[in-house]
Amino acid sequence: MNFNKSADFKTVYANWVQTGFGPFDISLLFGDAVPSDLAVFEVEHKVRVQLNPAEAKILVAMLAECVNNYEKVFGKIHIPVQLAQSGVTGNEEENSKESPNTEGV
């Protein structure tokens, strides 16, 4: 395989992700959450990536391997208590039964 960057290639920073799915695809909506005041965050949506379900499953495995390798080099990633309690880091099957959209950071 040869890899080339397209003319409109860009890098996007995201510290917020929302997932969703339909009958034919799985989508990832990436954004940048910034505090607008002490109690509220504003999220600026940056880009949506839509994948077929098979490619999304491959991505899950690739991300898991990448995170494992990151933690081997830099140490354990600690999830903030608020996220752990929200179910974002819990069982994906149980979370997907509750809603087709899951918000995270």
PDB file of N, CA and C in Angstrom:
ATOM      1  N   MET A   1       0.826  -1.190   0.000  1.00  0.00           N
ATOM      2  CA  MET A   1       0.000   0.000   0.000  1.00  0.00           C
ATOM      3  C   MET A   1       0.867   1.248   0.000  1.00  0.00           C
ATOM      4  N   ASN A   2       0.430   2.234  -0.716  1.00  0.00           N
ATOM      5  CA  ASN A   2       1.051   3.549  -0.675  1.00  0.00           C
ATOM      6  C   ASN A   2       0.105   4.498   0.035  1.00  0.00           C
ATOM      7  N   PHE A   3       0.638   5.341   0.904  1.00  0.00           N
ATOM      8  CA  PHE A   3      -0.165   6.308   1.636  1.00  0.00           C
ATOM      9  C   PHE A   3       0.230   7.713   1.226  1.00  0.00           C
ATOM     10  N   ASN A   4      -0.760   8.535   0.895  1.00  0.00           N
ATOM     11  CA  ASN A   4      -0.537   9.928   0.524  1.00  0.00           C
ATOM     12  C   ASN A   4      -1.572  10.787   1.227  1.00  0.00           C
ATOM     13  N   LYS A   5      -1.174  11.959   1.671  1.00  0.00           N
ATOM     14  CA  LYS A   5      -2.119  12.899   2.277  1.00  0.00           C
ATOM     15  C   LYS A   5      -2.871  13.630   1.177  1.00  0.00           C
ATOM     16  N   SER A   6      -4.190  13.726   1.332  1.00  0.00           N
ATOM     17  CA  SER A   6      -4.986  14.463   0.363  1.00  0.00           C
ATOM     18  C   SER A   6      -4.725  15.959   0.510  1.00  0.00           C
ATOM     19  N   ALA A   7      -5.121  16.724  -0.482  1.00  0.00           N
ATOM     20  CA  ALA A   7      -4.893  18.174  -0.466  1.00  0.00           C
ATOM     21  C   ALA A   7      -5.608  18.840   0.707  1.00  0.00           C
ATOM     22  N   ASP A   8      -6.729  18.279   1.162  1.00  0.00           N
ATOM     23  CA  ASP A   8      -7.477  18.894   2.265  1.00  0.00           C
ATOM     24  C   ASP A   8      -7.240  18.204   3.610  1.00  0.00           C
ATOM     25  N   PHE A   9      -6.170  17.428   3.722  1.00  0.00           N
ATOM     26  CA  PHE A   9      -5.828  16.751   4.979  1.00  0.00           C
ATOM     27  C   PHE A   9      -5.599  17.780   6.083  1.00  0.00           C
ATOM     28  N   LYS A  10      -6.110  17.457   7.292  1.00  0.00           N
ATOM     29  CA  LYS A  10      -5.860  18.325   8.435  1.00  0.00           C
ATOM     30  C   LYS A  10      -5.859  17.498   9.712  1.00  0.00           C
ATOM     31  N   THR A  11      -5.224  18.031  10.727  1.00  0.00           N
ATOM     32  CA  THR A  11      -5.213  17.433  12.049  1.00  0.00           C
ATOM     33  C   THR A  11      -6.194  18.212  12.908  1.00  0.00           C
ATOM     34  N   VAL A  12      -7.016  17.496  13.671  1.00  0.00           N
ATOM     35  CA  VAL A  12      -8.017  18.121  14.535  1.00  0.00           C
ATOM     36  C   VAL A  12      -7.782  17.646  15.958  1.00  0.00           C
ATOM     37  N   TYR A  13      -7.710  18.582  16.923  1.00  0.00           N
ATOM     38  CA  TYR A  13      -7.622  18.228  18.335  1.00  0.00           C
ATOM     39  C   TYR A  13      -9.033  18.065  18.882  1.00  0.00           C
ATOM     40  N   ALA A  14      -9.247  17.034  19.691  1.00  0.00           N
ATOM     41  CA  ALA A  14     -10.544  16.833  20.321  1.00  0.00           C
ATOM     42  C   ALA A  14     -10.337  16.379  21.759  1.00  0.00           C
ATOM     43  N   ASN A  15     -11.133  16.940  22.672  1.00  0.00           N
ATOM     44  CA  ASN A  15     -11.140  16.467  24.052  1.00  0.00           C
ATOM     45  C   ASN A  15     -12.557  16.060  24.456  1.00  0.00           C
ATOM     46  N   TRP A  16     -13.407  15.848  23.441  1.00  0.00           N
ATOM     47  CA  TRP A  16     -14.797  15.444  23.641  1.00  0.00           C
ATOM     48  C   TRP A  16     -15.209  14.592  22.454  1.00  0.00           C
ATOM     49  N   VAL A  17     -15.889  13.476  22.710  1.00  0.00           N
ATOM     50  CA  VAL A  17     -16.350  12.595  21.641  1.00  0.00           C
ATOM     51  C   VAL A  17     -17.761  12.134  21.961  1.00  0.00           C
ATOM     52  N   GLN A  18     -18.605  12.122  20.944  1.00  0.00           N
ATOM     53  CA  GLN A  18     -19.947  11.554  21.077  1.00  0.00           C
ATOM     54  C   GLN A  18     -20.067  10.458  20.036  1.00  0.00           C
ATOM     55  N   THR A  19     -20.614   9.319  20.444  1.00  0.00           N
ATOM     56  CA  THR A  19     -20.796   8.208  19.515  1.00  0.00           C
ATOM     57  C   THR A  19     -22.258   8.044  19.172  1.00  0.00           C
ATOM     58  N   GLY A  20     -22.521   7.453  18.035  1.00  0.00           N
ATOM     59  CA  GLY A  20     -23.882   7.148  17.620  1.00  0.00           C
ATOM     60  C   GLY A  20     -23.847   6.065  16.559  1.00  0.00           C
ATOM     61  N   PHE A  21     -24.999   5.510  16.278  1.00  0.00           N
ATOM     62  CA  PHE A  21     -25.046   4.486  15.233  1.00  0.00           C
ATOM     63  C   PHE A  21     -26.406   4.465  14.571  1.00  0.00           C
ATOM     64  N   GLY A  22     -26.415   3.976  13.354  1.00  0.00           N
ATOM     65  CA  GLY A  22     -27.621   3.747  12.586  1.00  0.00           C
ATOM     66  C   GLY A  22     -27.539   2.350  12.005  1.00  0.00           C
ATOM     67  N   PRO A  23     -28.467   1.996  11.141  1.00  0.00           N
ATOM     68  CA  PRO A  23     -28.468   0.632  10.610  1.00  0.00           C
ATOM     69  C   PRO A  23     -27.239   0.292   9.764  1.00  0.00           C
ATOM     70  N   PHE A  24     -26.584   1.301   9.189  1.00  0.00           N
ATOM     71  CA  PHE A  24     -25.493   1.026   8.262  1.00  0.00           C
ATOM     72  C   PHE A  24     -24.139   1.571   8.676  1.00  0.00           C
ATOM     73  N   ASP A  25     -24.087   2.367   9.758  1.00  0.00           N
ATOM     74  CA  ASP A  25     -22.804   2.948  10.133  1.00  0.00           C
ATOM     75  C   ASP A  25     -22.749   3.294  11.607  1.00  0.00           C
ATOM     76  N   ILE A  26     -21.534   3.562  12.052  1.00  0.00           N
ATOM     77  CA  ILE A  26     -21.251   4.032  13.406  1.00  0.00           C
ATOM     78  C   ILE A  26     -20.560   5.374  13.243  1.00  0.00           C
ATOM     79  N   SER A  27     -20.982   6.366  14.031  1.00  0.00           N
ATOM     80  CA  SER A  27     -20.387   7.690  13.865  1.00  0.00           C
ATOM     81  C   SER A  27     -19.699   8.147  15.143  1.00  0.00           C
ATOM     82  N   LEU A  28     -18.654   8.913  14.955  1.00  0.00           N
ATOM     83  CA  LEU A  28     -17.895   9.540  16.029  1.00  0.00           C
ATOM     84  C   LEU A  28     -17.903  11.033  15.754  1.00  0.00           C
ATOM     85  N   LEU A  29     -18.460  11.810  16.673  1.00  0.00           N
ATOM     86  CA  LEU A  29     -18.489  13.268  16.553  1.00  0.00           C
ATOM     87  C   LEU A  29     -17.447  13.819  17.512  1.00  0.00           C
ATOM     88  N   PHE A  30     -16.418  14.448  16.979  1.00  0.00           N
ATOM     89  CA  PHE A  30     -15.312  14.968  17.784  1.00  0.00           C
ATOM     90  C   PHE A  30     -15.486  16.465  17.989  1.00  0.00           C
ATOM     91  N   GLY A  31     -15.172  16.926  19.192  1.00  0.00           N
ATOM     92  CA  GLY A  31     -15.282  18.338  19.493  1.00  0.00           C
ATOM     93  C   GLY A  31     -14.244  18.789  20.497  1.00  0.00           C
ATOM     94  N   ASP A  32     -14.287  20.081  20.744  1.00  0.00           N
ATOM     95  CA  ASP A  32     -13.373  20.712  21.694  1.00  0.00           C
ATOM     96  C   ASP A  32     -14.228  21.361  22.774  1.00  0.00           C
ATOM     97  N   ALA A  33     -14.141  20.850  24.005  1.00  0.00           N
ATOM     98  CA  ALA A  33     -14.923  21.380  25.128  1.00  0.00           C
ATOM     99  C   ALA A  33     -14.074  22.391  25.883  1.00  0.00           C
ATOM    100  N   VAL A  34     -14.611  23.593  26.019  1.00  0.00           N
ATOM    101  CA  VAL A  34     -13.917  24.643  26.768  1.00  0.00           C
ATOM    102  C   VAL A  34     -14.901  25.273  27.745  1.00  0.00           C
ATOM    103  N   PRO A  35     -14.445  25.612  28.941  1.00  0.00           N
ATOM    104  CA  PRO A  35     -15.365  26.224  29.901  1.00  0.00           C
ATOM    105  C   PRO A  35     -15.765  27.624  29.440  1.00  0.00           C
ATOM    106  N   SER A  36     -17.081  27.894  29.443  1.00  0.00           N
ATOM    107  CA  SER A  36     -17.550  29.238  29.091  1.00  0.00           C
ATOM    108  C   SER A  36     -17.749  30.073  30.350  1.00  0.00           C
ATOM    109  N   ASP A  37     -17.984  29.396  31.470  1.00  0.00           N
ATOM    110  CA  ASP A  37     -17.995  30.028  32.789  1.00  0.00           C
ATOM    111  C   ASP A  37     -17.677  28.937  33.803  1.00  0.00           C
ATOM    112  N   LEU A  38     -17.875  29.178  35.068  1.00  0.00           N
ATOM    113  CA  LEU A  38     -17.460  28.213  36.089  1.00  0.00           C
ATOM    114  C   LEU A  38     -18.231  26.897  36.062  1.00  0.00           C
ATOM    115  N   ALA A  39     -19.478  26.900  35.591  1.00  0.00           N
ATOM    116  CA  ALA A  39     -20.295  25.698  35.698  1.00  0.00           C
ATOM    117  C   ALA A  39     -20.644  25.063  34.348  1.00  0.00           C
ATOM    118  N   VAL A  40     -20.347  25.734  33.229  1.00  0.00           N
ATOM    119  CA  VAL A  40     -20.813  25.259  31.931  1.00  0.00           C
ATOM    120  C   VAL A  40     -19.640  25.128  30.963  1.00  0.00           C
ATOM    121  N   PHE A  41     -19.642  24.025  30.216  1.00  0.00           N
ATOM    122  CA  PHE A  41     -18.676  23.848  29.139  1.00  0.00           C
ATOM    123  C   PHE A  41     -19.390  24.061  27.815  1.00  0.00           C
ATOM    124  N   GLU A  42     -18.739  24.712  26.900  1.00  0.00           N
ATOM    125  CA  GLU A  42     -19.218  24.840  25.534  1.00  0.00           C
ATOM    126  C   GLU A  42     -18.435  23.846  24.685  1.00  0.00           C
ATOM    127  N   VAL A  43     -19.129  23.112  23.837  1.00  0.00           N
ATOM    128  CA  VAL A  43     -18.466  22.149  22.964  1.00  0.00           C
ATOM    129  C   VAL A  43     -18.589  22.642  21.535  1.00  0.00           C
ATOM    130  N   GLU A  44     -17.446  22.832  20.900  1.00  0.00           N
ATOM    131  CA  GLU A  44     -17.424  23.202  19.492  1.00  0.00           C
ATOM    132  C   GLU A  44     -17.195  21.930  18.687  1.00  0.00           C
ATOM    133  N   HIS A  45     -18.204  21.521  17.924  1.00  0.00           N
ATOM    134  CA  HIS A  45     -18.065  20.327  17.097  1.00  0.00           C
ATOM    135  C   HIS A  45     -17.044  20.597  15.999  1.00  0.00           C
ATOM    136  N   LYS A  46     -16.092  19.686  15.842  1.00  0.00           N
ATOM    137  CA  LYS A  46     -15.016  19.856  14.865  1.00  0.00           C
ATOM    138  C   LYS A  46     -15.208  18.994  13.624  1.00  0.00           C
ATOM    139  N   VAL A  47     -15.492  17.703  13.835  1.00  0.00           N
ATOM    140  CA  VAL A  47     -15.604  16.791  12.694  1.00  0.00           C
ATOM    141  C   VAL A  47     -16.388  15.546  13.101  1.00  0.00           C
ATOM    142  N   ARG A  48     -17.118  14.987  12.138  1.00  0.00           N
ATOM    143  CA  ARG A  48     -17.809  13.712  12.345  1.00  0.00           C
ATOM    144  C   ARG A  48     -17.154  12.689  11.424  1.00  0.00           C
ATOM    145  N   VAL A  49     -16.840  11.530  11.988  1.00  0.00           N
ATOM    146  CA  VAL A  49     -16.286  10.429  11.211  1.00  0.00           C
ATOM    147  C   VAL A  49     -17.310   9.306  11.243  1.00  0.00           C
ATOM    148  N   GLN A  50     -17.696   8.833  10.064  1.00  0.00           N
ATOM    149  CA  GLN A  50     -18.649   7.735   9.977  1.00  0.00           C
ATOM    150  C   GLN A  50     -17.937   6.521   9.402  1.00  0.00           C
ATOM    151  N   LEU A  51     -18.139   5.373  10.068  1.00  0.00           N
ATOM    152  CA  LEU A  51     -17.472   4.132   9.692  1.00  0.00           C
ATOM    153  C   LEU A  51     -18.499   3.022   9.519  1.00  0.00           C
ATOM    154  N   ASN A  52     -18.192   2.058   8.646  1.00  0.00           N
ATOM    155  CA  ASN A  52     -19.059   0.887   8.616  1.00  0.00           C
ATOM    156  C   ASN A  52     -18.773   0.091   9.882  1.00  0.00           C
ATOM    157  N   PRO A  53     -19.719  -0.709  10.360  1.00  0.00           N
ATOM    158  CA  PRO A  53     -19.545  -1.398  11.640  1.00  0.00           C
ATOM    159  C   PRO A  53     -18.299  -2.282  11.723  1.00  0.00           C
ATOM    160  N   ALA A  54     -17.926  -2.940  10.638  1.00  0.00           N
ATOM    161  CA  ALA A  54     -16.730  -3.785  10.675  1.00  0.00           C
ATOM    162  C   ALA A  54     -15.478  -2.937  10.899  1.00  0.00           C
ATOM    163  N   GLU A  55     -15.376  -1.820  10.206  1.00  0.00           N
ATOM    164  CA  GLU A  55     -14.220  -0.946  10.375  1.00  0.00           C
ATOM    165  C   GLU A  55     -14.202  -0.353  11.782  1.00  0.00           C
ATOM    166  N   ALA A  56     -15.378  -0.035  12.334  1.00  0.00           N
ATOM    167  CA  ALA A  56     -15.443   0.485  13.707  1.00  0.00           C
ATOM    168  C   ALA A  56     -14.930  -0.550  14.707  1.00  0.00           C
ATOM    169  N   LYS A  57     -15.262  -1.811  14.489  1.00  0.00           N
ATOM    170  CA  LYS A  57     -14.791  -2.863  15.391  1.00  0.00           C
ATOM    171  C   LYS A  57     -13.274  -3.015  15.297  1.00  0.00           C
ATOM    172  N   ILE A  58     -12.732  -2.896  14.099  1.00  0.00           N
ATOM    173  CA  ILE A  58     -11.281  -2.925  13.924  1.00  0.00           C
ATOM    174  C   ILE A  58     -10.657  -1.735  14.653  1.00  0.00           C
ATOM    175  N   LEU A  59     -11.285  -0.556  14.551  1.00  0.00           N
ATOM    176  CA  LEU A  59     -10.784   0.638  15.229  1.00  0.00           C
ATOM    177  C   LEU A  59     -10.749   0.440  16.740  1.00  0.00           C
ATOM    178  N   VAL A  60     -11.763  -0.189  17.306  1.00  0.00           N
ATOM    179  CA  VAL A  60     -11.792  -0.467  18.745  1.00  0.00           C
ATOM    180  C   VAL A  60     -10.555  -1.269  19.148  1.00  0.00           C
ATOM    181  N   ALA A  61     -10.240  -2.310  18.391  1.00  0.00           N
ATOM    182  CA  ALA A  61      -9.075  -3.144  18.703  1.00  0.00           C
ATOM    183  C   ALA A  61      -7.777  -2.342  18.557  1.00  0.00           C
ATOM    184  N   MET A  62      -7.691  -1.514  17.516  1.00  0.00           N
ATOM    185  CA  MET A  62      -6.489  -0.708  17.301  1.00  0.00           C
ATOM    186  C   MET A  62      -6.311   0.301  18.429  1.00  0.00           C
ATOM    187  N   LEU A  63      -7.397   0.948  18.860  1.00  0.00           N
ATOM    188  CA  LEU A  63      -7.309   1.914  19.959  1.00  0.00           C
ATOM    189  C   LEU A  63      -6.920   1.234  21.266  1.00  0.00           C
ATOM    190  N   ALA A  64      -7.481   0.058  21.531  1.00  0.00           N
ATOM    191  CA  ALA A  64      -7.131  -0.674  22.757  1.00  0.00           C
ATOM    192  C   ALA A  64      -5.643  -1.000  22.775  1.00  0.00           C
ATOM    193  N   GLU A  65      -5.109  -1.453  21.651  1.00  0.00           N
ATOM    194  CA  GLU A  65      -3.681  -1.757  21.575  1.00  0.00           C
ATOM    195  C   GLU A  65      -2.844  -0.492  21.749  1.00  0.00           C
ATOM    196  N   CYS A  66      -3.274   0.606  21.135  1.00  0.00           N
ATOM    197  CA  CYS A  66      -2.546   1.864  21.247  1.00  0.00           C
ATOM    198  C   CYS A  66      -2.533   2.363  22.696  1.00  0.00           C
ATOM    199  N   VAL A  67      -3.679   2.304  23.374  1.00  0.00           N
ATOM    200  CA  VAL A  67      -3.748   2.738  24.773  1.00  0.00           C
ATOM    201  C   VAL A  67      -2.875   1.846  25.650  1.00  0.00           C
ATOM    202  N   ASN A  68      -2.907   0.537  25.426  1.00  0.00           N
ATOM    203  CA  ASN A  68      -2.047  -0.377  26.200  1.00  0.00           C
ATOM    204  C   ASN A  68      -0.572  -0.036  26.014  1.00  0.00           C
ATOM    205  N   ASN A  69      -0.174   0.220  24.777  1.00  0.00           N
ATOM    206  CA  ASN A  69       1.222   0.584  24.506  1.00  0.00           C
ATOM    207  C   ASN A  69       1.571   1.924  25.138  1.00  0.00           C
ATOM    208  N   TYR A  70       0.663   2.880  25.082  1.00  0.00           N
ATOM    209  CA  TYR A  70       0.874   4.189  25.708  1.00  0.00           C
ATOM    210  C   TYR A  70       1.127   4.013  27.205  1.00  0.00           C
ATOM    211  N   GLU A  71       0.271   3.195  27.859  1.00  0.00           N
ATOM    212  CA  GLU A  71       0.403   2.995  29.303  1.00  0.00           C
ATOM    213  C   GLU A  71       1.689   2.262  29.666  1.00  0.00           C
ATOM    214  N   LYS A  72       2.182   1.398  28.798  1.00  0.00           N
ATOM    215  CA  LYS A  72       3.466   0.728  29.050  1.00  0.00           C
ATOM    216  C   LYS A  72       4.603   1.738  29.065  1.00  0.00           C
ATOM    217  N   VAL A  73       4.494   2.757  28.223  1.00  0.00           N
ATOM    218  CA  VAL A  73       5.564   3.759  28.115  1.00  0.00           C
ATOM    219  C   VAL A  73       5.396   4.873  29.146  1.00  0.00           C
ATOM    220  N   PHE A  74       4.170   5.382  29.318  1.00  0.00           N
ATOM    221  CA  PHE A  74       3.940   6.584  30.128  1.00  0.00           C
ATOM    222  C   PHE A  74       3.231   6.343  31.456  1.00  0.00           C
ATOM    223  N   GLY A  75       2.762   5.136  31.709  1.00  0.00           N
ATOM    224  CA  GLY A  75       2.049   4.841  32.948  1.00  0.00           C
ATOM    225  C   GLY A  75       0.543   4.837  32.745  1.00  0.00           C
ATOM    226  N   LYS A  76      -0.123   4.344  33.757  1.00  0.00           N
ATOM    227  CA  LYS A  76      -1.577   4.173  33.711  1.00  0.00           C
ATOM    228  C   LYS A  76      -2.296   5.501  33.480  1.00  0.00           C
ATOM    229  N   ILE A  77      -3.305   5.460  32.624  1.00  0.00           N
ATOM    230  CA  ILE A  77      -4.161   6.615  32.380  1.00  0.00           C
ATOM    231  C   ILE A  77      -5.266   6.576  33.435  1.00  0.00           C
ATOM    232  N   HIS A  78      -5.412   7.650  34.166  1.00  0.00           N
ATOM    233  CA  HIS A  78      -6.429   7.725  35.209  1.00  0.00           C
ATOM    234  C   HIS A  78      -7.653   8.463  34.668  1.00  0.00           C
ATOM    235  N   ILE A  79      -8.811   7.801  34.767  1.00  0.00           N
ATOM    236  CA  ILE A  79     -10.075   8.381  34.315  1.00  0.00           C
ATOM    237  C   ILE A  79     -10.649   9.189  35.469  1.00  0.00           C
ATOM    238  N   PRO A  80     -11.042  10.466  35.236  1.00  0.00           N
ATOM    239  CA  PRO A  80     -11.646  11.264  36.314  1.00  0.00           C
ATOM    240  C   PRO A  80     -12.875  10.568  36.899  1.00  0.00           C
ATOM    241  N   VAL A  81     -13.049  10.691  38.193  1.00  0.00           N
ATOM    242  CA  VAL A  81     -14.141  10.022  38.907  1.00  0.00           C
ATOM    243  C   VAL A  81     -15.495  10.321  38.268  1.00  0.00           C
ATOM    244  N   GLN A  82     -15.717  11.571  37.842  1.00  0.00           N
ATOM    245  CA  GLN A  82     -17.007  11.941  37.248  1.00  0.00           C
ATOM    246  C   GLN A  82     -17.308  11.101  36.012  1.00  0.00           C
ATOM    247  N   LEU A  83     -16.309  10.811  35.211  1.00  0.00           N
ATOM    248  CA  LEU A  83     -16.524   9.993  34.015  1.00  0.00           C
ATOM    249  C   LEU A  83     -16.734   8.542  34.380  1.00  0.00           C
ATOM    250  N   ALA A  84     -15.961   8.033  35.320  1.00  0.00           N
ATOM    251  CA  ALA A  84     -16.111   6.644  35.735  1.00  0.00           C
ATOM    252  C   ALA A  84     -17.513   6.397  36.293  1.00  0.00           C
ATOM    253  N   GLN A  85     -18.058   7.365  37.036  1.00  0.00           N
ATOM    254  CA  GLN A  85     -19.383   7.220  37.622  1.00  0.00           C
ATOM    255  C   GLN A  85     -20.485   7.389  36.589  1.00  0.00           C
ATOM    256  N   SER A  86     -20.211   8.068  35.481  1.00  0.00           N
ATOM    257  CA  SER A  86     -21.245   8.322  34.478  1.00  0.00           C
ATOM    258  C   SER A  86     -21.521   7.118  33.600  1.00  0.00           C
ATOM    259  N   GLY A  87     -20.689   6.081  33.696  1.00  0.00           N
ATOM    260  CA  GLY A  87     -20.884   4.905  32.875  1.00  0.00           C
ATOM    261  C   GLY A  87     -20.138   4.961  31.557  1.00  0.00           C
ATOM    262  N   VAL A  88     -19.456   6.065  31.284  1.00  0.00           N
ATOM    263  CA  VAL A  88     -18.730   6.212  30.031  1.00  0.00           C
ATOM    264  C   VAL A  88     -17.662   5.145  29.896  1.00  0.00           C
ATOM    265  N   THR A  89     -17.026   4.764  31.002  1.00  0.00           N
ATOM    266  CA  THR A  89     -15.951   3.782  30.945  1.00  0.00           C
ATOM    267  C   THR A  89     -16.432   2.390  31.321  1.00  0.00           C
ATOM    268  N   GLY A  90     -17.736   2.198  31.398  1.00  0.00           N
ATOM    269  CA  GLY A  90     -18.286   0.909  31.811  1.00  0.00           C
ATOM    270  C   GLY A  90     -18.461  -0.045  30.660  1.00  0.00           C
ATOM    271  N   ASN A  91     -19.318  -1.020  30.852  1.00  0.00           N
ATOM    272  CA  ASN A  91     -19.573  -2.065  29.876  1.00  0.00           C
ATOM    273  C   ASN A  91     -20.254  -1.465  28.653  1.00  0.00           C
ATOM    274  N   GLU A  92     -19.603  -1.557  27.481  1.00  0.00           N
ATOM    275  CA  GLU A  92     -20.125  -0.951  26.269  1.00  0.00           C
ATOM    276  C   GLU A  92     -21.471  -1.546  25.859  1.00  0.00           C
ATOM    277  N   GLU A  93     -21.663  -2.861  26.057  1.00  0.00           N
ATOM    278  CA  GLU A  93     -22.928  -3.478  25.675  1.00  0.00           C
ATOM    279  C   GLU A  93     -24.069  -2.922  26.502  1.00  0.00           C
ATOM    280  N   GLU A  94     -23.889  -2.785  27.803  1.00  0.00           N
ATOM    281  CA  GLU A  94     -24.932  -2.233  28.659  1.00  0.00           C
ATOM    282  C   GLU A  94     -25.209  -0.778  28.316  1.00  0.00           C
ATOM    283  N   ASN A  95     -24.139   0.006  28.058  1.00  0.00           N
ATOM    284  CA  ASN A  95     -24.321   1.415  27.708  1.00  0.00           C
ATOM    285  C   ASN A  95     -25.078   1.567  26.404  1.00  0.00           C
ATOM    286  N   SER A  96     -24.817   0.710  25.404  1.00  0.00           N
ATOM    287  CA  SER A  96     -25.452   0.859  24.102  1.00  0.00           C
ATOM    288  C   SER A  96     -26.940   0.517  24.175  1.00  0.00           C
ATOM    289  N   LYS A  97     -27.365  -0.290  25.162  1.00  0.00           N
ATOM    290  CA  LYS A  97     -28.782  -0.619  25.304  1.00  0.00           C
ATOM    291  C   LYS A  97     -29.574   0.577  25.812  1.00  0.00           C
ATOM    292  N   GLU A  98     -28.906   1.459  26.566  1.00  0.00           N
ATOM    293  CA  GLU A  98     -29.590   2.608  27.126  1.00  0.00           C
ATOM    294  C   GLU A  98     -29.904   3.660  26.085  1.00  0.00           C
ATOM    295  N   SER A  99     -28.988   3.890  25.162  1.00  0.00           N
ATOM    296  CA  SER A  99     -29.152   4.974  24.198  1.00  0.00           C
ATOM    297  C   SER A  99     -28.252   4.726  23.006  1.00  0.00           C
ATOM    298  N   PRO A 100     -28.714   5.087  21.800  1.00  0.00           N
ATOM    299  CA  PRO A 100     -27.847   4.934  20.640  1.00  0.00           C
ATOM    300  C   PRO A 100     -26.739   5.975  20.597  1.00  0.00           C
ATOM    301  N   ASN A 101     -26.790   6.985  21.438  1.00  0.00           N
ATOM    302  CA  ASN A 101     -25.746   8.009  21.499  1.00  0.00           C
ATOM    303  C   ASN A 101     -25.111   7.997  22.879  1.00  0.00           C
ATOM    304  N   THR A 102     -23.796   8.047  22.941  1.00  0.00           N
ATOM    305  CA  THR A 102     -23.069   8.074  24.200  1.00  0.00           C
ATOM    306  C   THR A 102     -22.134   9.253  24.160  1.00  0.00           C
ATOM    307  N   GLU A 103     -22.191  10.101  25.177  1.00  0.00           N
ATOM    308  CA  GLU A 103     -21.290  11.235  25.227  1.00  0.00           C
ATOM    309  C   GLU A 103     -20.130  10.916  26.128  1.00  0.00           C
ATOM    310  N   GLY A 104     -18.975  11.453  25.813  1.00  0.00           N
ATOM    311  CA  GLY A 104     -17.778  11.278  26.613  1.00  0.00           C
ATOM    312  C   GLY A 104     -16.874  12.466  26.436  1.00  0.00           C
ATOM    313  N   VAL A 105     -15.680  12.331  26.924  1.00  0.00           N
ATOM    314  CA  VAL A 105     -14.688  13.389  26.715  1.00  0.00           C
ATOM    315  C   VAL A 105     -13.433  12.791  26.170  1.00  0.00           C
TER     316      VAL A 105
END
